């Protein structure tokens, strides 16, 4: 998939990048470097796409279902231990 590329092109066609650069250029305090990432960009809650949330695939085998197939729960346990 070219999701990132497609989003970049859509934003370019809509003038989003020009607006961002104009806002940065018009700032009174101009920093030496500017980084734009997802923490800077606010979108409507519907813009995320998909239902979200955690889901687990159902397996026909109880043994396979009991086996951890993701590191998500292990990471949560590790994060709580700090």
Protein backbone atom coordinates (compact mmCIF):
# COMPACT_ATOMS: atom_id res chain seq x y z
CA UNK A 1 0.00 0.00 0.00
CA UNK A 2 1.05 3.55 -0.61
CA UNK A 3 -0.99 5.09 2.20
CA UNK A 4 1.63 7.58 3.30
CA UNK A 5 2.36 8.63 -0.27
CA UNK A 6 -1.35 8.97 -1.07
CA UNK A 7 -1.93 11.11 2.01
CA UNK A 8 1.04 13.32 1.12
CA UNK A 9 -0.32 13.82 -2.41
CA UNK A 10 -3.85 14.58 -1.13
CA UNK A 11 -2.49 17.15 1.32
CA UNK A 12 -0.37 18.70 -1.43
CA UNK A 13 -3.40 18.97 -3.73
CA UNK A 14 -5.47 20.58 -0.96
CA UNK A 15 -2.74 23.07 -0.05
CA UNK A 16 -2.21 21.70 3.45
CA UNK A 17 1.59 21.82 3.15
CA UNK A 18 1.54 25.43 1.95
CA UNK A 19 -0.64 26.37 4.94
CA UNK A 20 1.71 24.60 7.35
CA UNK A 21 4.81 26.24 5.89
CA UNK A 22 3.12 29.67 5.82
CA UNK A 23 2.17 29.31 9.49
CA UNK A 24 5.71 28.29 10.39
CA UNK A 25 7.22 31.13 8.34
CA UNK A 26 4.88 33.66 9.98
CA UNK A 27 5.87 32.69 13.51
CA UNK A 28 7.59 35.41 15.53
CA UNK A 29 10.14 33.05 17.08
CA UNK A 30 11.66 31.17 14.18
CA UNK A 31 13.52 28.09 15.45
CA UNK A 32 16.61 26.69 13.74
CA UNK A 33 14.85 23.39 13.06
CA UNK A 34 11.20 22.39 12.93
CA UNK A 35 9.96 18.81 13.12
CA UNK A 36 6.42 17.94 12.11
CA UNK A 37 5.08 14.63 13.37
CA UNK A 38 1.81 13.10 14.43
CA UNK A 39 1.98 14.72 17.86
CA UNK A 40 1.68 18.15 16.20
CA UNK A 41 -1.21 17.38 13.87
CA UNK A 42 -4.71 17.26 15.32
CA UNK A 43 -7.42 15.45 13.38
CA UNK A 44 -11.06 14.69 14.00
CA UNK A 45 -11.63 11.44 15.91
CA UNK A 46 -13.29 9.93 12.84
CA UNK A 47 -10.18 10.56 10.73
CA UNK A 48 -8.30 7.66 12.28
CA UNK A 49 -10.24 5.10 10.29
CA UNK A 50 -11.34 1.68 11.43
CA UNK A 51 -13.12 0.62 14.58
CA UNK A 52 -9.99 0.50 16.71
CA UNK A 53 -9.67 -1.33 19.96
CA UNK A 54 -8.10 -4.66 20.74
CA UNK A 55 -9.34 -7.85 19.15
CA UNK A 56 -8.23 -11.43 19.31
CA UNK A 57 -8.60 -14.01 16.56
CA UNK A 58 -10.60 -17.05 17.61
CA UNK A 59 -8.79 -20.35 17.12
CA UNK A 60 -10.33 -23.79 16.77
CA UNK A 61 -7.53 -25.27 18.88
CA UNK A 62 -7.64 -24.47 22.62
CA UNK A 63 -3.86 -24.98 22.82
CA UNK A 64 -3.26 -22.46 20.03
CA UNK A 65 -5.70 -20.03 21.62
CA UNK A 66 -3.82 -20.23 24.93
CA UNK A 67 -0.47 -19.46 23.27
CA UNK A 68 0.55 -15.83 23.36
CA UNK A 69 0.73 -14.62 19.76
CA UNK A 70 1.48 -10.98 20.46
CA UNK A 71 3.87 -9.05 22.64
CA UNK A 72 1.15 -6.57 23.62
CA UNK A 73 0.24 -8.19 26.94
CA UNK A 74 3.89 -8.90 27.73
CA UNK A 75 4.76 -5.26 27.07
CA UNK A 76 1.97 -4.09 29.36
CA UNK A 77 3.31 -6.29 32.16
CA UNK A 78 6.85 -5.03 31.56
CA UNK A 79 5.71 -1.40 31.55
CA UNK A 80 3.93 -1.85 34.89
CA UNK A 81 7.05 -3.33 36.46
CA UNK A 82 8.97 -0.04 36.13
